[in-house]
């Protein structure tokens, strides 16, 4: 059970990192705050 959770957690972190990089490179650094807020929102939903 724990191993499966760790694996899903790693995949989730990678997905977030990829989305973060794509948004920053696509829009420039002015949007970092917006992206960070979205990531926090996603993380909260994922934690539920």
N, C-alpha and C. Protein backbone atom coordinates (compact mmCIF):
# COMPACT_ATOMS: atom_id res chain seq x y z
N UNK A 1 0.83 -1.20 0.00
CA UNK A 1 0.00 0.00 0.00
C UNK A 1 0.87 1.26 0.00
N UNK A 2 1.83 1.32 0.90
CA UNK A 2 2.69 2.50 0.99
C UNK A 2 3.51 2.69 -0.29
N UNK A 3 3.99 1.58 -0.86
CA UNK A 3 4.79 1.67 -2.08
C UNK A 3 3.95 2.23 -3.23
N UNK A 4 2.71 1.79 -3.31
CA UNK A 4 1.82 2.29 -4.37
C UNK A 4 1.56 3.78 -4.17
N UNK A 5 1.35 4.18 -2.92
CA UNK A 5 1.12 5.60 -2.62
C UNK A 5 2.35 6.43 -3.01
N UNK A 6 3.54 5.95 -2.66
CA UNK A 6 4.77 6.67 -3.01
C UNK A 6 4.90 6.81 -4.51
N UNK A 7 4.58 5.75 -5.25
CA UNK A 7 4.69 5.78 -6.70
C UNK A 7 3.73 6.82 -7.28
N UNK A 8 2.49 6.81 -6.80
CA UNK A 8 1.51 7.79 -7.28
C UNK A 8 1.94 9.21 -6.92
N UNK A 9 2.49 9.38 -5.74
CA UNK A 9 2.95 10.68 -5.29
C UNK A 9 4.07 11.20 -6.18
N UNK A 10 5.01 10.34 -6.54
CA UNK A 10 6.11 10.73 -7.42
C UNK A 10 5.58 11.13 -8.80
N UNK A 11 4.63 10.36 -9.33
CA UNK A 11 4.05 10.69 -10.63
C UNK A 11 3.34 12.03 -10.57
N UNK A 12 2.63 12.28 -9.47
CA UNK A 12 1.91 13.53 -9.29
C UNK A 12 2.87 14.71 -9.22
N UNK A 13 3.96 14.54 -8.48
CA UNK A 13 4.97 15.61 -8.38
C UNK A 13 5.58 15.91 -9.74
N UNK A 14 5.87 14.87 -10.51
CA UNK A 14 6.46 15.06 -11.84
C UNK A 14 5.48 15.79 -12.74
N UNK A 15 4.21 15.40 -12.68
CA UNK A 15 3.18 16.04 -13.49
C UNK A 15 3.08 17.53 -13.14
N UNK A 16 3.09 17.85 -11.85
CA UNK A 16 3.04 19.25 -11.42
C UNK A 16 4.25 20.02 -11.92
N UNK A 17 5.43 19.41 -11.79
CA UNK A 17 6.66 20.08 -12.22
C UNK A 17 6.62 20.35 -13.72
N UNK A 18 6.17 19.37 -14.51
CA UNK A 18 6.07 19.54 -15.96
C UNK A 18 5.09 20.66 -16.31
N UNK A 19 3.95 20.69 -15.63
CA UNK A 19 2.95 21.73 -15.89
C UNK A 19 3.51 23.10 -15.52
N UNK A 20 4.22 23.16 -14.41
CA UNK A 20 4.81 24.41 -13.94
C UNK A 20 5.81 24.95 -14.97
N UNK A 21 6.70 24.08 -15.44
CA UNK A 21 7.71 24.48 -16.43
C UNK A 21 7.04 24.93 -17.73
N UNK A 22 6.04 24.19 -18.18
CA UNK A 22 5.34 24.54 -19.42
C UNK A 22 4.68 25.91 -19.31
N UNK A 23 4.05 26.17 -18.17
CA UNK A 23 3.38 27.46 -18.00
C UNK A 23 4.38 28.60 -17.94
N UNK A 24 5.48 28.42 -17.22
CA UNK A 24 6.47 29.49 -17.11
C UNK A 24 7.09 29.77 -18.48
N UNK A 25 7.50 28.74 -19.20
CA UNK A 25 8.15 28.96 -20.48
C UNK A 25 7.16 29.49 -21.51
N UNK A 26 5.88 29.13 -21.35
CA UNK A 26 4.87 29.59 -22.30
C UNK A 26 4.44 31.03 -22.08
N UNK A 27 4.49 31.50 -20.87
CA UNK A 27 3.93 32.82 -20.55
C UNK A 27 4.93 33.82 -20.02
N UNK A 28 6.09 33.37 -19.59
CA UNK A 28 7.04 34.29 -18.99
C UNK A 28 6.88 34.32 -17.48
N UNK A 29 7.82 34.98 -16.82
CA UNK A 29 7.89 34.91 -15.36
C UNK A 29 6.86 35.78 -14.64
N UNK A 30 6.13 36.61 -15.35
CA UNK A 30 5.11 37.43 -14.72
C UNK A 30 3.97 36.62 -14.15
N UNK A 31 3.86 35.36 -14.61
CA UNK A 31 2.73 34.53 -14.20
C UNK A 31 3.09 33.52 -13.12
N UNK A 32 4.28 33.61 -12.59
CA UNK A 32 4.72 32.62 -11.60
C UNK A 32 3.77 32.55 -10.41
N UNK A 33 3.32 33.71 -9.93
CA UNK A 33 2.42 33.71 -8.78
C UNK A 33 1.12 32.97 -9.09
N UNK A 34 0.57 33.21 -10.28
CA UNK A 34 -0.67 32.54 -10.68
C UNK A 34 -0.47 31.03 -10.75
N UNK A 35 0.64 30.63 -11.33
CA UNK A 35 0.93 29.20 -11.46
C UNK A 35 1.10 28.57 -10.08
N UNK A 36 1.80 29.27 -9.20
CA UNK A 36 2.02 28.75 -7.85
C UNK A 36 0.69 28.60 -7.12
N UNK A 37 -0.20 29.56 -7.29
CA UNK A 37 -1.52 29.48 -6.66
C UNK A 37 -2.30 28.28 -7.20
N UNK A 38 -2.20 28.04 -8.51
CA UNK A 38 -2.87 26.89 -9.11
C UNK A 38 -2.32 25.59 -8.55
N UNK A 39 -1.00 25.53 -8.39
CA UNK A 39 -0.37 24.31 -7.86
C UNK A 39 -0.82 24.06 -6.43
N UNK A 40 -0.88 25.11 -5.62
CA UNK A 40 -1.36 24.94 -4.25
C UNK A 40 -2.80 24.44 -4.24
N UNK A 41 -3.61 24.98 -5.14
CA UNK A 41 -5.01 24.56 -5.24
C UNK A 41 -5.10 23.09 -5.63
N UNK A 42 -4.30 22.69 -6.63
CA UNK A 42 -4.27 21.29 -7.06
C UNK A 42 -3.80 20.39 -5.93
N UNK A 43 -2.80 20.83 -5.20
CA UNK A 43 -2.26 20.03 -4.11
C UNK A 43 -3.32 19.82 -3.02
N UNK A 44 -4.10 20.86 -2.75
CA UNK A 44 -5.16 20.73 -1.75
C UNK A 44 -6.21 19.72 -2.20
N UNK A 45 -6.58 19.79 -3.48
CA UNK A 45 -7.58 18.86 -4.01
C UNK A 45 -7.04 17.43 -3.96
N UNK A 46 -5.76 17.28 -4.29
CA UNK A 46 -5.13 15.96 -4.30
C UNK A 46 -5.07 15.37 -2.89
N UNK A 47 -4.89 16.23 -1.91
CA UNK A 47 -4.77 15.77 -0.52
C UNK A 47 -6.09 15.26 0.05
N UNK A 48 -7.20 15.71 -0.52
CA UNK A 48 -8.51 15.32 0.01
C UNK A 48 -8.84 13.87 -0.26
